[in-house]
Amino acid sequence: MSAVFQTLGELSTHLAGTNIEVVDPGVPLVEWAAELSNDPSWKNQPSIRKVVGFAARNIASVPMHLYEFVGEQDRRRVRDGALAEVLRRPSRAPGETAYRFWERVLIEGLIYDRFAVRIVERDDGYELVRIPARLVTFAADALDRITSVNVRKPDGTVQELDPAGFILDAGYATKGASGTSPLKTLRDLLDEQTEAVRYRRSIWRNGARTAGVIERPANTPWADGARERFGRSWQNFSRGGGQEGGTPVLEDGMQYKAIDAFRPRDTLDLEGRQLTDAEVAAAFHIAPELVGAREGTFSNIKAFKEMLYGPALGPYISAWEQTLDATLVPLLGTPNQYVEANVEAKMRGSFEEQAGVLSTSVGAPWMTRNEARAKQNMSAIDGGDELITPLNVLVGGQASPQDGKTGPVVAKFAARQEQVVRSQKAAGSDWWDGPRWDRELVADLVKAGVDVIEAATVAKQFNTEAEQRFRAEEES
């Protein structure tokens, strides 16, 4: 009966006393093929690095905040304590910031479909230590639930550790709990891309790049050494000859004849790369437009951000939050605390957009003079901490400070509109022209300094109500 070896260490022991040497004993054979197939993809496959790097970079840049419930509907930000400190500084390794730490963890999770981060208690607090996915597998029971974290040590032995001391995440696997790397599913596509690159490189190296050939009269003998001299002179106009791009002088009777030779576009290089980028992006559930694999139709940056942090990266961020809530909060926090990714920080528009939205939402100015001065790196002034509320907002019956800009313009427009509409109704013609009134009111508002989007909204609402009012009068 043939022996079965789970590790190279067992094989090395079996072959002791022979002349057969086993290099690097102790690496599990069951993991060998997977590690060889996964690791090179990050550095050798541009599509993998582009898509995975894009996702990990954008997720890791989202701030992680700690909150706790105060009452039934209120919450407050928690900035102190062991858990808050770990979120602020997860790793103590030199040069490894919170962003770099989570970026590496997320890259491993995307490539291997699993990651393991050990929670280590120090004298002055806690630290998170990333265990490289190539060294970790998860032992599972018959229901594919994780029972232990198996970490391979430098000497080749495997250490079984309690999952309670780790932040763990693993995707679905048909058997076991170690996940299924998307690279295995993409293996044929990635191999095809590798072969395509190799083929194109071979064509570039071996294919005929000249745009024509030189012809000379048939049955014309070469003088002694003339053929060799012409060949040497022609080489001066080839790559490295010193006269590349020049115009060679042909001998008597010779003619240059253009031919259809190799053209770079014949290899469909760009199309092939874009197709691979799109397939890899789809495998990670990211729209190809977001990574430049396909031309997008985004009209503004707001639409881009909503798609990026919504259906594209939203599920990854939710999984990240739930993993931290299930592991770090019970160990370092309190039952009423939870971790939340501050996605709103990435979704914020310009300062002008934020100011307009907040001012309209609260119905009054929302920033003191000293707060505004601080944003401009200016020192505070006496009396600058008082929030000034204009009288037209306090007692003028307006919905927001923005109405002070649109009100007079709309009132003047309404008077002109009513005069024209009533005149046309009296003449019996088609008296309502909605596109005209929308266009004219938007132009008036923009001229008064109102934002185009806000002007369009105001015009649409006002003219809709105006039409309804005029038609109601006609029916009555």
Protein backbone atom coordinates (compact mmCIF):
# COMPACT_ATOMS: atom_id res chain seq x y z
CA MET A 1 0.00 0.00 0.00
CA SER A 2 1.42 3.41 -0.99
CA ALA A 3 2.04 6.00 1.71
CA VAL A 4 0.20 9.35 1.78
CA PHE A 5 2.16 12.41 2.87
CA GLN A 6 0.35 15.53 4.05
CA THR A 7 3.51 17.62 4.39
CA LEU A 8 6.95 17.73 2.84
CA GLY A 9 8.25 17.19 6.37
CA GLU A 10 6.68 13.70 6.44
CA LEU A 11 8.13 12.98 3.02
CA SER A 12 11.56 14.17 4.19
CA THR A 13 11.42 11.80 7.17
CA HIS A 14 10.37 8.91 4.94
CA LEU A 15 13.31 9.56 2.60
CA ALA A 16 15.86 9.86 5.40
CA GLY A 17 19.01 7.90 4.59
CA THR A 18 18.58 8.25 0.82
CA ASN A 19 20.26 10.69 -1.53
CA ILE A 20 16.97 12.43 -2.28
CA GLU A 21 16.81 15.91 -0.76
CA VAL A 22 13.50 17.61 0.03
CA VAL A 23 13.71 21.42 -0.14
CA ASP A 24 11.83 23.45 2.48
CA PRO A 25 10.23 20.56 4.39
CA GLY A 26 7.09 21.30 6.35
CA VAL A 27 5.02 23.09 3.72
CA PRO A 28 1.63 21.31 3.48
CA LEU A 29 1.29 19.65 0.11
CA VAL A 30 -2.45 20.29 0.09
CA GLU A 31 -1.71 24.05 0.09
CA TRP A 32 1.27 24.06 -2.23
CA ALA A 33 -0.60 24.29 -5.52
CA ALA A 34 -2.99 26.94 -4.23
CA GLU A 35 -0.20 29.16 -2.91
CA LEU A 36 1.78 28.91 -6.13
CA SER A 37 -1.29 29.84 -8.15
CA ASN A 38 -2.44 32.72 -5.91
CA ASP A 39 0.72 34.61 -5.00
CA PRO A 40 2.05 35.47 -8.49
CA SER A 41 -1.27 36.88 -9.63
CA TRP A 42 -0.88 40.05 -7.57
CA LYS A 43 2.40 40.97 -9.29
CA ASN A 44 1.94 39.27 -12.67
CA GLN A 45 -1.72 39.94 -13.47
CA PRO A 46 -2.45 43.65 -14.10
CA SER A 47 -6.22 43.05 -14.02
CA ILE A 48 -6.10 41.44 -10.57
CA ARG A 49 -3.95 44.18 -9.14
CA LYS A 50 -6.08 46.89 -10.72
CA VAL A 51 -9.44 45.59 -9.47
CA VAL A 52 -8.37 44.21 -6.09
CA GLY A 53 -6.17 47.22 -5.36
CA PHE A 54 -8.99 49.58 -6.33
CA ALA A 55 -11.47 47.90 -3.98
CA ALA A 56 -9.08 47.54 -1.04
CA ARG A 57 -7.76 51.09 -1.37
CA ASN A 58 -11.20 52.68 -1.38
CA ILE A 59 -12.54 50.54 1.47
CA ALA A 60 -9.48 51.02 3.67
CA SER A 61 -9.74 54.81 3.26
CA VAL A 62 -13.20 54.83 4.87
CA PRO A 63 -12.84 55.94 8.53
CA MET A 64 -14.03 53.43 11.15
CA HIS A 65 -15.86 55.06 14.08
CA LEU A 66 -17.10 53.67 17.37
CA TYR A 67 -20.55 54.64 18.65
CA GLU A 68 -22.72 53.77 21.61
CA PHE A 69 -26.47 54.03 22.08
CA VAL A 70 -27.72 56.69 24.49
CA GLY A 71 -31.41 56.10 25.07
CA GLU A 72 -33.58 54.51 22.43
CA GLN A 73 -32.95 56.78 19.45
CA ASP A 74 -29.80 58.69 20.24
CA ARG A 75 -26.15 57.76 19.93
CA ARG A 76 -22.81 59.37 20.59
CA ARG A 77 -19.31 58.99 19.21
CA VAL A 78 -16.88 57.12 21.50
CA ARG A 79 -13.30 58.36 21.26
CA ASP A 80 -11.72 56.86 24.38
CA GLY A 81 -11.16 53.30 25.56
CA ALA A 82 -9.39 50.17 24.36
CA LEU A 83 -11.65 49.59 21.37
CA ALA A 84 -11.47 53.20 20.15
CA GLU A 85 -7.68 53.10 20.45
CA VAL A 86 -7.45 49.85 18.44
CA LEU A 87 -9.59 51.34 15.66
CA ARG A 88 -7.40 54.44 15.62
CA ARG A 89 -4.11 52.47 15.67
CA PRO A 90 -4.66 48.78 14.93
CA SER A 91 -1.02 47.86 14.27
CA ARG A 92 2.16 48.89 16.03
CA ALA A 93 4.45 47.66 13.29
CA PRO A 94 6.84 50.40 12.07
CA GLY A 95 5.38 52.36 9.18
CA GLU A 96 2.07 50.49 9.18
CA THR A 97 -0.72 53.02 9.50
CA ALA A 98 -4.35 52.09 10.01
CA TYR A 99 -4.94 52.58 6.28
CA ARG A 100 -2.04 50.30 5.27
CA PHE A 101 -3.01 47.68 7.82
CA TRP A 102 -6.59 47.35 6.64
CA GLU A 103 -5.58 47.63 2.98
CA ARG A 104 -3.35 44.55 3.34
CA VAL A 105 -6.01 42.66 5.25
CA LEU A 106 -8.63 43.47 2.62
CA ILE A 107 -6.34 42.54 -0.28
CA GLU A 108 -5.77 39.12 1.27
CA GLY A 109 -9.48 38.72 1.87
CA LEU A 110 -10.25 39.52 -1.76
CA ILE A 111 -7.52 37.29 -3.20
CA TYR A 112 -7.72 34.31 -0.84
CA ASP A 113 -11.36 34.69 0.23
CA ARG A 114 -10.20 34.57 3.86
CA PHE A 115 -8.17 36.56 6.34
CA ALA A 116 -7.09 36.18 9.95
CA VAL A 117 -6.07 38.97 12.32
CA ARG A 118 -4.87 38.04 15.78
CA ILE A 119 -5.89 40.16 18.77
CA VAL A 120 -2.81 40.55 21.00
CA GLU A 121 -2.91 42.08 24.47
CA ARG A 122 0.05 44.29 25.39
CA ASP A 123 0.96 45.93 28.69
CA ASP A 124 -0.46 49.25 27.51
CA GLY A 125 -3.39 48.05 25.42
CA TYR A 126 -4.22 45.83 22.47
CA GLU A 127 -2.74 45.33 19.03
CA LEU A 128 -4.00 43.66 15.87
CA VAL A 129 -1.52 41.42 14.05
CA ARG A 130 -2.25 40.30 10.50
CA ILE A 131 -1.46 36.64 9.89
CA PRO A 132 -0.63 36.22 6.17
CA ALA A 133 -3.33 34.18 4.48
CA ARG A 134 -0.72 31.90 2.90
CA LEU A 135 0.12 30.67 6.40
CA VAL A 136 -3.45 30.19 7.63
CA THR A 137 -6.15 27.59 7.14
CA PHE A 138 -9.32 27.08 9.14
CA ALA A 139 -10.19 23.66 10.52
CA ALA A 140 -13.92 22.95 10.39
CA ASP A 141 -16.46 20.49 11.71
CA ALA A 142 -18.91 18.49 9.65
CA LEU A 143 -21.07 21.60 9.20
CA ASP A 144 -18.15 23.66 7.87
CA ARG A 145 -17.99 25.79 11.02
CA ILE A 146 -14.54 27.01 12.08
CA THR A 147 -13.16 25.03 15.02
CA SER A 148 -9.54 26.18 15.04
CA VAL A 149 -7.13 28.50 13.28
CA ASN A 150 -4.16 26.55 11.95
CA VAL A 151 -1.08 28.74 11.54
CA ARG A 152 2.05 27.36 9.89
CA LYS A 153 5.19 28.42 11.75
CA PRO A 154 8.62 29.07 10.16
CA ASP A 155 9.88 25.61 11.17
CA GLY A 156 7.08 23.98 9.18
CA THR A 157 4.97 22.86 12.13
CA VAL A 158 1.31 23.84 12.37
CA GLN A 159 -0.08 25.51 15.48
CA GLU A 160 -3.77 25.13 16.30
CA LEU A 161 -5.19 28.26 17.93
CA ASP A 162 -8.54 29.20 19.43
CA PRO A 163 -10.68 31.26 17.00
CA ALA A 164 -11.82 33.45 19.90
CA GLY A 165 -8.55 35.36 19.77
CA PHE A 166 -8.90 36.31 16.10
CA ILE A 167 -10.81 38.53 13.74
CA LEU A 168 -11.78 36.00 11.08
CA ASP A 169 -13.56 36.09 7.78
CA ALA A 170 -13.95 33.41 5.11
CA GLY A 171 -16.17 33.07 2.11
CA TYR A 172 -18.11 30.09 0.85
CA ALA A 173 -16.37 26.80 0.07
CA THR A 174 -17.91 23.57 -1.19
CA LYS A 175 -16.03 21.83 1.63
CA GLY A 176 -14.34 23.21 4.69
CA ALA A 177 -14.24 26.77 6.04
CA SER A 178 -11.23 28.31 4.30
CA GLY A 179 -13.16 30.00 1.50
CA THR A 180 -12.67 29.73 -2.24
CA SER A 181 -10.25 32.10 -3.89
CA PRO A 182 -11.79 33.96 -6.87
CA LEU A 183 -8.46 33.39 -8.61
CA LYS A 184 -9.29 29.71 -8.89
CA THR A 185 -12.49 30.59 -10.72
CA LEU A 186 -10.62 33.07 -12.91
CA ARG A 187 -7.69 30.73 -13.53
CA ASP A 188 -8.56 29.90 -17.15
CA LEU A 189 -9.18 33.55 -17.98
CA LEU A 190 -5.94 34.67 -16.33
CA ASP A 191 -3.96 31.90 -18.05
CA GLU A 192 -5.47 33.00 -21.35
CA GLN A 193 -4.41 36.57 -20.67
CA THR A 194 -0.89 35.40 -19.79
CA GLU A 195 -0.67 33.44 -23.04
CA ALA A 196 -2.01 36.44 -24.97
CA VAL A 197 0.69 38.69 -23.48
CA ARG A 198 3.34 36.10 -24.28
CA TYR A 199 2.01 35.77 -27.83
CA ARG A 200 1.97 39.51 -28.41
CA ARG A 201 5.48 39.85 -27.04
CA SER A 202 6.64 37.08 -29.39
CA ILE A 203 5.05 38.86 -32.36
CA TRP A 204 6.72 42.11 -31.40
CA ARG A 205 10.04 40.34 -31.12
CA ASN A 206 9.83 38.11 -34.20
CA GLY A 207 7.26 39.70 -36.51
CA ALA A 208 8.26 41.68 -39.60
CA ARG A 209 8.07 45.32 -38.65
CA THR A 210 9.22 46.88 -41.91
CA ALA A 211 6.58 48.53 -44.05
CA GLY A 212 8.12 47.31 -47.33
CA VAL A 213 10.88 45.40 -49.16
CA ILE A 214 13.67 46.36 -51.56
CA GLU A 215 13.57 44.95 -55.08
CA ARG A 216 16.44 44.90 -57.63
CA PRO A 217 16.41 43.83 -61.30
CA ALA A 218 16.44 40.08 -61.82
CA ASN A 219 19.60 38.43 -63.21
CA THR A 220 21.69 41.42 -62.14
CA PRO A 221 24.92 40.09 -60.66
CA TRP A 222 26.39 41.52 -57.44
CA ALA A 223 29.91 42.86 -57.63
CA ASP A 224 32.47 41.37 -55.27
CA GLY A 225 31.46 42.25 -51.74
CA ALA A 226 28.60 44.53 -52.87
CA ARG A 227 25.91 42.37 -51.30
CA GLU A 228 27.67 42.33 -47.93
CA ARG A 229 28.34 46.08 -48.02
CA PHE A 230 24.71 46.85 -48.80
CA GLY A 231 23.55 44.54 -46.00
CA ARG A 232 25.85 46.24 -43.52
CA SER A 233 24.79 49.71 -44.60
CA TRP A 234 21.12 48.75 -44.36
CA GLN A 235 21.61 47.54 -40.80
CA ASN A 236 22.55 51.09 -39.83
CA PHE A 237 18.90 52.00 -40.31
CA SER A 238 17.68 49.16 -38.05
CA ARG A 239 17.31 49.35 -34.29
CA GLY A 240 20.66 50.11 -32.69
CA GLY A 241 22.32 50.92 -35.99
CA GLY A 242 22.71 54.61 -35.22
CA GLN A 243 20.66 55.96 -38.17
CA GLU A 244 17.18 54.81 -37.18
CA GLY A 245 14.51 56.93 -38.83
CA GLY A 246 16.84 58.17 -41.57
CA THR A 247 16.46 57.69 -45.34
CA PRO A 248 18.76 55.08 -46.88
CA VAL A 249 20.24 55.60 -50.35
CA LEU A 250 19.47 52.70 -52.70
CA GLU A 251 21.82 51.45 -55.40
CA ASP A 252 21.04 51.80 -59.09
CA GLY A 253 18.05 49.75 -60.19
CA MET A 254 16.75 49.11 -56.66
CA GLN A 255 13.16 50.02 -55.74
CA TYR A 256 11.35 50.20 -52.44
CA LYS A 257 7.97 48.40 -52.44
CA ALA A 258 5.49 48.83 -49.61
CA ILE A 259 3.82 45.70 -48.25
CA ASP A 260 1.25 44.87 -45.60
CA ALA A 261 3.27 43.53 -42.69
CA PHE A 262 2.71 43.26 -38.97
CA ARG A 263 0.66 46.02 -37.40
CA PRO A 264 0.31 46.32 -33.61
CA ARG A 265 -3.44 46.74 -33.88
CA ASP A 266 -3.71 43.28 -35.45
CA THR A 267 -3.09 41.70 -32.05
CA LEU A 268 -6.12 43.51 -30.50
CA ASP A 269 -3.95 44.29 -27.50
CA LEU A 270 -6.14 47.02 -26.00
CA GLU A 271 -9.39 45.11 -26.55
CA GLY A 272 -7.96 42.00 -24.92
CA ARG A 273 -6.80 43.86 -21.84
CA GLN A 274 -10.11 45.67 -21.45
CA LEU A 275 -12.01 42.40 -21.75
CA THR A 276 -9.91 40.80 -19.03
CA ASP A 277 -10.31 43.85 -16.79
CA ALA A 278 -14.08 43.72 -17.26
CA GLU A 279 -14.27 39.99 -16.50
CA VAL A 280 -12.14 40.31 -13.36
CA ALA A 281 -14.15 43.33 -12.18
CA ALA A 282 -17.38 41.39 -12.69
CA ALA A 283 -15.96 38.48 -10.67
CA PHE A 284 -15.47 40.84 -7.73
CA HIS A 285 -18.94 42.39 -8.29
CA ILE A 286 -17.53 45.78 -9.28
CA ALA A 287 -18.85 47.69 -12.27
CA PRO A 288 -16.17 47.73 -15.02
CA GLU A 289 -16.76 51.48 -15.51
CA LEU A 290 -15.38 52.16 -12.03
CA VAL A 291 -11.95 50.69 -12.86
CA GLY A 292 -11.80 52.10 -16.38
CA ALA A 293 -12.43 48.76 -18.09
CA ARG A 294 -15.41 50.17 -19.94
CA GLU A 295 -16.37 53.69 -20.92
CA GLY A 296 -18.75 55.15 -18.38
CA THR A 297 -21.57 57.61 -18.74
CA PHE A 298 -21.38 59.34 -15.35
CA SER A 299 -22.71 62.88 -15.56
CA ASN A 300 -21.07 64.07 -12.35
CA ILE A 301 -18.92 63.00 -9.46
CA LYS A 302 -21.92 62.51 -7.19
CA ALA A 303 -23.28 59.70 -9.35
CA PHE A 304 -19.84 58.08 -9.37
CA LYS A 305 -19.57 58.18 -5.57
CA GLU A 306 -23.07 56.80 -5.09
CA MET A 307 -22.32 53.82 -7.32
CA LEU A 308 -18.87 53.25 -5.84
CA TYR A 309 -19.91 53.17 -2.17
CA GLY A 310 -23.36 51.76 -2.89
CA PRO A 311 -23.78 48.52 -4.86
CA ALA A 312 -20.06 48.20 -5.72
CA LEU A 313 -18.23 48.38 -2.37
CA GLY A 314 -21.23 48.55 -0.02
CA PRO A 315 -21.44 44.77 0.59
CA TYR A 316 -17.70 44.57 1.33
CA ILE A 317 -17.98 47.44 3.81
CA SER A 318 -21.00 45.84 5.52
CA ALA A 319 -19.11 42.56 5.89
CA TRP A 320 -16.15 44.47 7.36
CA GLU A 321 -18.37 46.24 9.90
CA GLN A 322 -20.15 43.04 10.95
CA THR A 323 -16.87 41.18 11.39
CA LEU A 324 -15.53 43.86 13.74
CA ASP A 325 -18.83 44.06 15.64
CA ALA A 326 -18.85 40.29 16.15
CA THR A 327 -15.25 40.06 17.40
CA LEU A 328 -13.80 43.31 18.74
CA VAL A 329 -16.90 44.76 20.40
CA PRO A 330 -17.59 41.76 22.72
CA LEU A 331 -13.91 41.57 23.66
CA LEU A 332 -12.94 45.23 24.07
CA GLY A 333 -16.18 47.21 24.11
CA THR A 334 -19.57 47.21 25.82
CA PRO A 335 -22.89 45.66 24.71
CA ASN A 336 -24.34 49.02 23.64
CA GLN A 337 -21.40 49.90 21.38
CA TYR A 338 -20.94 49.20 17.68
CA VAL A 339 -18.48 49.94 14.90
CA GLU A 340 -19.61 51.81 11.81
CA ALA A 341 -17.77 52.81 8.64
CA ASN A 342 -18.18 56.53 8.07
CA VAL A 343 -19.18 56.22 4.41
CA GLU A 344 -20.73 59.70 4.56
CA ALA A 345 -17.21 61.13 4.78
CA LYS A 346 -16.50 59.74 1.31
CA MET A 347 -19.87 60.82 -0.09
CA ARG A 348 -19.64 64.48 0.89
CA GLY A 349 -19.84 67.02 -1.89
CA SER A 350 -18.06 70.34 -2.10
CA PHE A 351 -18.25 72.81 0.77
CA GLU A 352 -20.73 74.90 -1.21
CA GLU A 353 -23.03 71.89 -1.69
CA GLN A 354 -22.81 70.93 1.98
CA ALA A 355 -23.53 74.50 3.07
CA GLY A 356 -26.60 74.73 0.84
CA VAL A 357 -28.04 71.42 1.97
CA LEU A 358 -27.42 72.00 5.68
CA SER A 359 -28.75 75.55 5.58
CA THR A 360 -31.93 74.40 3.86
CA SER A 361 -32.30 71.45 6.24
CA VAL A 362 -32.06 73.40 9.48
CA GLY A 363 -33.82 76.53 8.19
CA ALA A 364 -31.14 78.89 9.49
CA PRO A 365 -27.37 79.48 9.42
CA TRP A 366 -25.52 76.56 10.99
CA MET A 367 -21.99 77.91 11.48
CA THR A 368 -20.66 80.66 13.75
CA ARG A 369 -18.23 83.29 12.55
CA ASN A 370 -15.36 81.79 14.54
CA GLU A 371 -16.05 78.33 13.08
CA ALA A 372 -15.92 79.82 9.59
CA ARG A 373 -12.70 81.69 10.45
CA ALA A 374 -11.14 78.48 11.76
CA LYS A 375 -11.77 76.80 8.40
CA GLN A 376 -9.74 79.59 6.81
CA ASN A 377 -6.96 79.22 9.44
CA MET A 378 -7.86 82.58 10.98
CA SER A 379 -7.88 83.38 14.69
CA ALA A 380 -11.11 83.75 16.66
CA ILE A 381 -12.65 87.14 17.38
CA ASP A 382 -14.67 88.42 20.31
CA GLY A 383 -18.35 87.68 19.95
CA GLY A 384 -17.70 85.29 17.07
CA ASP A 385 -19.12 82.27 18.89
CA GLU A 386 -22.69 83.49 18.63
CA LEU A 387 -24.83 82.02 15.90
CA ILE A 388 -26.32 84.88 13.89
CA THR A 389 -29.82 84.30 12.51
CA PRO A 390 -31.07 86.82 9.93
CA LEU A 391 -34.41 88.43 10.74
CA ASN A 392 -35.91 87.39 7.41
CA VAL A 393 -35.33 83.77 8.40
CA LEU A 394 -36.55 84.20 11.97
CA VAL A 395 -39.75 86.13 11.29
CA GLY A 396 -40.09 86.30 7.54
CA GLY A 397 -42.00 83.05 7.14
CA GLN A 398 -39.42 81.64 4.73
CA ALA A 399 -38.51 77.95 4.63
CA SER A 400 -34.78 78.55 4.58
CA PRO A 401 -32.15 81.27 4.12
CA GLN A 402 -31.95 80.27 0.46
CA ASP A 403 -35.42 81.73 -0.09
CA GLY A 404 -34.04 85.20 0.42
CA LYS A 405 -32.28 84.85 -2.92
CA THR A 406 -35.06 83.20 -4.94
CA GLY A 407 -38.13 84.98 -3.50
CA PRO A 408 -37.89 88.38 -5.26
CA VAL A 409 -36.92 86.76 -8.57
CA VAL A 410 -39.84 84.32 -8.46
CA ALA A 411 -42.29 87.08 -7.50
CA LYS A 412 -41.25 89.24 -10.46
CA PHE A 413 -41.39 86.24 -12.79
CA ALA A 414 -44.86 85.26 -11.52
CA ALA A 415 -46.27 88.68 -12.35
CA ARG A 416 -44.93 88.54 -15.90
CA GLN A 417 -46.08 84.95 -16.34
CA GLU A 418 -49.61 85.71 -15.18
CA GLN A 419 -49.90 88.66 -17.57
CA VAL A 420 -48.80 86.58 -20.57
CA VAL A 421 -50.92 83.53 -19.71
CA ARG A 422 -54.10 85.55 -19.18
CA SER A 423 -53.54 87.39 -22.44
CA GLN A 424 -53.13 84.12 -24.34
CA LYS A 425 -56.16 82.59 -22.67
CA ALA A 426 -58.26 85.56 -23.72
CA ALA A 427 -57.05 85.13 -27.32
CA GLY A 428 -58.16 81.47 -27.27
CA SER A 429 -54.71 80.12 -28.21
CA ASP A 430 -52.73 77.31 -26.57
CA TRP A 431 -52.02 79.37 -23.48
CA TRP A 432 -49.60 77.14 -21.47
CA ASP A 433 -46.01 76.51 -22.62
CA GLY A 434 -44.33 74.65 -19.77
CA PRO A 435 -40.82 74.29 -21.30
CA ARG A 436 -40.75 78.03 -22.01
CA TRP A 437 -41.62 79.00 -18.45
CA ASP A 438 -39.14 76.50 -16.97
CA ARG A 439 -36.40 77.82 -19.24
CA GLU A 440 -37.10 81.49 -18.51
CA LEU A 441 -37.38 81.06 -14.73
CA VAL A 442 -34.14 79.05 -14.57
CA ALA A 443 -32.38 81.79 -16.57
CA ASP A 444 -33.66 84.49 -14.19
CA LEU A 445 -32.61 82.55 -11.11
CA VAL A 446 -29.14 81.74 -12.45
CA LYS A 447 -28.66 85.39 -13.35
CA ALA A 448 -29.48 86.22 -9.70
CA GLY A 449 -26.74 83.86 -8.51
CA VAL A 450 -28.76 80.73 -7.72
CA ASP A 451 -27.15 77.33 -8.36
CA VAL A 452 -28.31 75.73 -11.62
CA ILE A 453 -29.61 72.55 -9.96
CA GLU A 454 -31.48 74.54 -7.28
CA ALA A 455 -32.88 76.88 -9.95
CA ALA A 456 -34.19 73.94 -12.00
CA THR A 457 -35.86 72.46 -8.91
CA VAL A 458 -37.52 75.75 -7.96
CA ALA A 459 -38.68 76.37 -11.53
CA LYS A 460 -40.18 72.92 -11.91
CA GLN A 461 -42.11 73.15 -8.65
CA PHE A 462 -43.34 76.72 -9.19
CA ASN A 463 -44.47 76.23 -12.78
CA THR A 464 -46.24 72.98 -11.97
CA GLU A 465 -48.23 74.72 -9.25
CA ALA A 466 -48.88 77.71 -11.52
CA GLU A 467 -50.28 75.50 -14.30
CA GLN A 468 -52.53 73.70 -11.85
CA ARG A 469 -53.79 77.04 -10.52
CA PHE A 470 -54.55 78.46 -13.99
CA ARG A 471 -56.32 75.28 -15.15
CA ALA A 472 -58.39 75.19 -11.95
CA GLU A 473 -59.53 78.75 -12.69
CA GLU A 474 -60.49 77.74 -16.24
CA GLU A 475 -62.56 74.76 -15.08
CA SER A 476 -64.39 76.84 -12.47
